[in-house]
């Protein structure tokens, strides 16, 4: 049994390291009223993904955000591994789908954990481990996903800049579907409703099978700004890690992404 547990930990660690990002991937981003919308849960890197292996048991919150309303979508996922969402929206608006997962546990040997912290700019954890003589210690972590995708149904645009229930929330302050080619867009990053300053943010733009990635840090308001192209698909992602004081894990991380795209 001990060998099986060790092997499972190694396999889990390997999968985690090679598939950092997690996002909601609709079959497209702009729809007609009443058209069937299919949203998959994707994991991968470089904005290239594969379908997740999760199911309904992974859900903490899964909601469709509509103007002045929200619908729980939990019942649309089954216990089948890799299941996806299918639903329709019959009013013209800018709906959002948000997903917050339950916690999962991961354990990595020291060198791999340090490598992962460095890759994702988690300097607070690196500094803590160094100052507390933990750099050579195994990393034990609880992690959860906190993601959204922004769709457009019909022509009528509705607000997308309100905070959601996601613990780590990436919020476009401009409406992505009202922007013109070359316009700037600002995104605000909130953790438990408070702005996250000096937070590493990754911006991904995928077009014609190629991905361009940019990295920047939030300002004191928890905001970043970049130039938009109204082609292809976009993802803004980040991860926040806090120290825990319990016997299960030393760290809790929150992985967040926000996606939208153009025809």
Protein backbone atom coordinates (compact mmCIF):
# COMPACT_ATOMS: atom_id res chain seq x y z
CA UNK A 1 0.00 0.00 0.00
CA UNK A 2 2.84 2.40 0.85
CA UNK A 3 4.37 1.87 -2.62
CA UNK A 4 1.01 2.54 -4.27
CA UNK A 5 0.56 5.80 -2.33
CA UNK A 6 4.09 6.92 -3.20
CA UNK A 7 3.56 6.12 -6.89
CA UNK A 8 0.24 8.00 -6.89
CA UNK A 9 1.94 11.04 -5.37
CA UNK A 10 4.68 10.95 -8.02
CA UNK A 11 2.17 10.66 -10.87
CA UNK A 12 0.03 13.46 -9.44
CA UNK A 13 3.07 15.68 -9.05
CA UNK A 14 4.17 14.95 -12.63
CA UNK A 15 0.74 15.81 -14.05
CA UNK A 16 0.56 18.98 -11.97
CA UNK A 17 3.96 20.21 -13.12
CA UNK A 18 3.34 19.68 -16.83
CA UNK A 19 -0.22 21.08 -16.84
CA UNK A 20 -0.19 24.26 -14.78
CA UNK A 21 -3.04 26.23 -16.30
CA UNK A 22 -6.73 25.43 -15.95
CA UNK A 23 -9.46 27.30 -17.79
CA UNK A 24 -13.01 27.16 -19.10
CA UNK A 25 -13.01 26.60 -22.86
CA UNK A 26 -16.28 27.12 -24.77
CA UNK A 27 -16.63 25.73 -28.27
CA UNK A 28 -16.76 29.40 -29.32
CA UNK A 29 -17.30 32.69 -27.51
CA UNK A 30 -20.12 34.42 -29.40
CA UNK A 31 -23.56 32.88 -29.86
CA UNK A 32 -27.05 33.48 -31.16
CA UNK A 33 -29.97 33.53 -28.74
CA UNK A 34 -30.99 30.00 -27.78
CA UNK A 35 -27.94 28.41 -29.42
CA UNK A 36 -26.42 25.46 -27.57
CA UNK A 37 -23.30 26.47 -25.63
CA UNK A 38 -20.71 23.82 -24.82
CA UNK A 39 -18.06 24.64 -22.18
CA UNK A 40 -15.21 22.28 -21.40
CA UNK A 41 -12.82 22.29 -18.45
CA UNK A 42 -9.31 22.35 -19.88
CA UNK A 43 -5.88 21.82 -18.36
CA UNK A 44 -2.57 22.43 -20.05
CA UNK A 45 0.19 24.89 -20.74
CA UNK A 46 0.83 27.57 -23.36
CA UNK A 47 -2.96 27.94 -23.80
CA UNK A 48 -3.08 24.47 -25.32
CA UNK A 49 -5.28 22.12 -23.37
CA UNK A 50 -6.83 18.74 -22.92
CA UNK A 51 -10.13 17.89 -21.29
CA UNK A 52 -9.94 17.51 -17.52
CA UNK A 53 -10.43 14.22 -15.70
CA UNK A 54 -12.77 15.80 -13.13
CA UNK A 55 -16.48 15.36 -12.50
CA UNK A 56 -19.32 16.75 -10.39
CA UNK A 57 -17.51 15.83 -7.17
CA UNK A 58 -14.86 18.48 -7.91
CA UNK A 59 -17.37 21.36 -7.74
CA UNK A 60 -17.50 23.86 -4.92
CA UNK A 61 -19.36 26.45 -7.01
CA UNK A 62 -20.41 26.36 -10.67
CA UNK A 63 -22.62 29.24 -11.79
CA UNK A 64 -23.95 31.02 -14.84
CA UNK A 65 -23.85 34.78 -14.20
CA UNK A 66 -26.56 36.73 -16.01
CA UNK A 67 -27.62 40.39 -15.71
CA UNK A 68 -29.13 40.69 -12.25
CA UNK A 69 -29.30 36.92 -11.79
CA UNK A 70 -27.26 33.75 -11.41
CA UNK A 71 -28.04 30.09 -11.98
CA UNK A 72 -26.32 27.14 -10.34
CA UNK A 73 -25.07 24.71 -12.98
CA UNK A 74 -24.04 21.86 -10.67
CA UNK A 75 -26.83 19.63 -11.92
CA UNK A 76 -25.56 19.88 -15.51
CA UNK A 77 -22.40 17.95 -14.67
CA UNK A 78 -22.53 14.21 -14.03
CA UNK A 79 -20.27 11.78 -12.21
CA UNK A 80 -18.69 10.87 -15.55
CA UNK A 81 -15.00 11.81 -15.68
CA UNK A 82 -14.24 14.62 -18.12
CA UNK A 83 -17.86 15.77 -18.38
CA UNK A 84 -18.61 19.21 -19.87
CA UNK A 85 -21.41 21.80 -19.71
CA UNK A 86 -24.19 22.21 -22.24
CA UNK A 87 -26.79 24.96 -21.85
CA UNK A 88 -28.51 27.76 -23.77
CA UNK A 89 -29.13 31.45 -23.03
CA UNK A 90 -32.28 32.95 -24.54
CA UNK A 91 -31.70 36.65 -23.80
CA UNK A 92 -29.16 38.88 -25.50
CA UNK A 93 -26.47 39.58 -22.90
CA UNK A 94 -22.88 38.93 -21.84
CA UNK A 95 -23.11 35.82 -19.63
CA UNK A 96 -20.21 34.50 -17.58
CA UNK A 97 -19.58 30.99 -16.32
CA UNK A 98 -17.60 30.72 -13.08
CA UNK A 99 -16.15 27.62 -11.45
CA UNK A 100 -14.53 27.17 -8.04
CA UNK A 101 -13.21 23.72 -7.22
CA UNK A 102 -12.83 21.86 -3.99
CA UNK A 103 -9.34 21.62 -2.57
CA UNK A 104 -6.94 18.97 -3.87
CA UNK A 105 -3.70 17.89 -2.23
CA UNK A 106 -0.26 17.66 -3.81
CA UNK A 107 3.14 16.75 -2.39
CA UNK A 108 6.41 17.48 -4.20
CA UNK A 109 9.99 16.76 -3.28
CA UNK A 110 11.96 19.89 -2.39
CA UNK A 111 13.70 20.62 -5.70
CA UNK A 112 10.52 20.22 -7.75
CA UNK A 113 8.54 22.34 -5.32
CA UNK A 114 11.15 25.11 -5.45
CA UNK A 115 11.17 24.93 -9.25
CA UNK A 116 7.39 25.24 -9.38
CA UNK A 117 7.40 28.22 -6.97
CA UNK A 118 9.99 30.01 -9.10
CA UNK A 119 8.18 29.32 -12.37
CA UNK A 120 4.95 30.84 -11.09
CA UNK A 121 6.57 33.81 -9.38
CA UNK A 122 5.53 32.78 -5.88
CA UNK A 123 8.29 34.76 -4.24
CA UNK A 124 6.51 34.98 -0.88
CA UNK A 125 6.66 31.18 -0.54
CA UNK A 126 10.27 31.05 -1.74
CA UNK A 127 11.30 33.70 0.80
CA UNK A 128 9.41 32.00 3.62
CA UNK A 129 10.97 28.61 2.92
CA UNK A 130 14.43 30.20 2.76
CA UNK A 131 14.11 32.21 5.98
CA UNK A 132 12.60 29.24 7.85
CA UNK A 133 15.15 26.66 6.63
CA UNK A 134 12.50 24.81 4.57
CA UNK A 135 14.12 25.06 1.12
CA UNK A 136 15.27 21.44 1.36
CA UNK A 137 11.91 20.22 2.69
CA UNK A 138 9.07 18.47 0.89
CA UNK A 139 6.32 20.83 -0.25
CA UNK A 140 2.79 19.90 0.85
CA UNK A 141 0.02 21.97 -0.69
CA UNK A 142 -3.73 22.27 -1.00
CA UNK A 143 -4.84 23.89 -4.24
CA UNK A 144 -8.11 24.97 -5.80
CA UNK A 145 -9.29 26.43 -9.12
CA UNK A 146 -11.07 29.76 -9.41
CA UNK A 147 -11.91 30.41 -13.07
CA UNK A 148 -14.37 32.20 -15.37
CA UNK A 149 -15.16 32.58 -19.04
CA UNK A 150 -16.97 35.52 -20.65
CA UNK A 151 -19.38 34.81 -23.51
CA UNK A 152 -21.54 37.00 -25.74
CA UNK A 153 -25.09 36.10 -26.77
CA UNK A 154 -26.56 38.33 -29.46
CA UNK A 155 -25.56 41.97 -29.84
CA UNK A 156 -26.63 43.51 -26.52
CA UNK A 157 -23.69 43.95 -24.13
CA UNK A 158 -24.16 43.72 -20.36
CA UNK A 159 -21.62 44.51 -17.57
CA UNK A 160 -18.75 42.15 -16.76
CA UNK A 161 -16.85 44.27 -14.22
CA UNK A 162 -18.66 43.17 -11.07
CA UNK A 163 -16.84 40.96 -8.55
CA UNK A 164 -18.03 37.36 -8.29
CA UNK A 165 -17.92 34.79 -5.48
CA UNK A 166 -14.59 33.46 -6.75
CA UNK A 167 -11.96 33.77 -3.98
CA UNK A 168 -9.34 34.81 -6.57
CA UNK A 169 -11.15 36.88 -9.16
CA UNK A 170 -9.79 38.39 -12.41
CA UNK A 171 -12.13 41.18 -13.53
CA UNK A 172 -11.94 43.05 -16.87
CA UNK A 173 -12.78 46.71 -16.21
CA UNK A 174 -13.56 47.26 -19.89
CA UNK A 175 -16.06 45.12 -21.79
CA UNK A 176 -13.98 42.78 -24.01
CA UNK A 177 -16.68 42.70 -26.71
CA UNK A 178 -16.93 46.49 -26.96
CA UNK A 179 -13.24 47.03 -27.63
CA UNK A 180 -11.67 47.84 -30.98
CA UNK A 181 -8.40 46.51 -32.38
CA UNK A 182 -5.48 48.09 -30.50
CA UNK A 183 -7.55 49.38 -27.57
CA UNK A 184 -6.16 49.00 -24.04
CA UNK A 185 -7.88 46.77 -21.50
CA UNK A 186 -7.43 46.86 -17.74
CA UNK A 187 -8.01 43.87 -15.47
CA UNK A 188 -8.28 43.99 -11.69
CA UNK A 189 -7.25 41.04 -9.51
CA UNK A 190 -9.03 40.53 -6.18
CA UNK A 191 -8.28 38.01 -3.47
CA UNK A 192 -11.17 37.69 -1.00
CA UNK A 193 -12.53 40.96 -2.45
CA UNK A 194 -9.28 42.86 -1.81
CA UNK A 195 -6.86 44.06 -4.54
CA UNK A 196 -3.69 41.99 -4.96
CA UNK A 197 -0.68 44.23 -5.57
CA UNK A 198 2.66 43.12 -7.07
CA UNK A 199 0.99 39.91 -8.27
CA UNK A 200 2.50 38.07 -11.24
CA UNK A 201 -0.06 37.90 -14.07
CA UNK A 202 0.24 35.91 -17.29
CA UNK A 203 -1.57 37.11 -20.42
CA UNK A 204 -2.08 34.57 -23.19
CA UNK A 205 -3.23 35.28 -26.75
CA UNK A 206 -3.83 32.33 -29.06
CA UNK A 207 -4.39 32.84 -32.78
CA UNK A 208 -3.96 30.49 -35.76
CA UNK A 209 -2.45 27.74 -33.62
CA UNK A 210 0.18 30.01 -32.06
CA UNK A 211 0.31 31.40 -28.52
CA UNK A 212 1.92 34.66 -27.42
CA UNK A 213 2.45 35.07 -23.67
CA UNK A 214 3.21 38.24 -21.74
CA UNK A 215 3.93 38.60 -18.03
CA UNK A 216 3.47 41.64 -15.81
CA UNK A 217 2.82 42.52 -12.16
CA UNK A 218 -0.23 44.28 -10.77
CA UNK A 219 0.05 47.83 -9.43
CA UNK A 220 -1.05 48.98 -5.97
CA UNK A 221 -4.69 48.80 -7.12
CA UNK A 222 -4.30 45.17 -8.16
CA UNK A 223 -4.54 46.15 -11.84
CA UNK A 224 -2.72 45.47 -15.10
CA UNK A 225 -3.30 47.01 -18.53
CA UNK A 226 -2.38 45.69 -21.97
CA UNK A 227 -3.29 46.18 -25.63
CA UNK A 228 -6.03 44.01 -27.06
CA UNK A 229 -6.40 42.39 -30.46
CA UNK A 230 -9.96 41.51 -31.41
CA UNK A 231 -8.88 38.23 -32.96
CA UNK A 232 -8.32 34.78 -31.51
CA UNK A 233 -8.83 33.95 -27.85
CA UNK A 234 -7.44 35.44 -24.65
CA UNK A 235 -6.64 34.19 -21.16
CA UNK A 236 -5.44 36.11 -18.12
CA UNK A 237 -4.16 33.86 -15.33
CA UNK A 238 -2.49 34.04 -11.93
CA UNK A 239 -1.84 31.99 -8.80
CA UNK A 240 -1.81 33.17 -5.18
CA UNK A 241 -0.30 31.14 -2.35
CA UNK A 242 -0.73 31.58 1.40
CA UNK A 243 0.90 29.82 4.35
CA UNK A 244 -1.14 27.34 6.38
CA UNK A 245 -0.69 26.08 9.92
CA UNK A 246 -2.05 22.55 9.93
CA UNK A 247 -0.91 18.94 9.70
CA UNK A 248 -2.20 18.29 6.17
CA UNK A 249 -0.41 20.95 4.17
CA UNK A 250 1.94 23.89 4.61
CA UNK A 251 0.45 25.94 1.77
CA UNK A 252 -2.86 26.82 0.15
CA UNK A 253 -2.82 28.00 -3.45
CA UNK A 254 -5.57 29.56 -5.54
CA UNK A 255 -5.31 29.26 -9.34
CA UNK A 256 -7.35 31.73 -11.34
CA UNK A 257 -8.02 32.38 -15.01
CA UNK A 258 -10.39 34.50 -17.10
CA UNK A 259 -11.01 33.74 -20.78
CA UNK A 260 -12.80 35.46 -23.66
CA UNK A 261 -12.45 35.41 -27.43
CA UNK A 262 -13.49 36.64 -30.85
CA UNK A 263 -14.87 35.02 -33.98
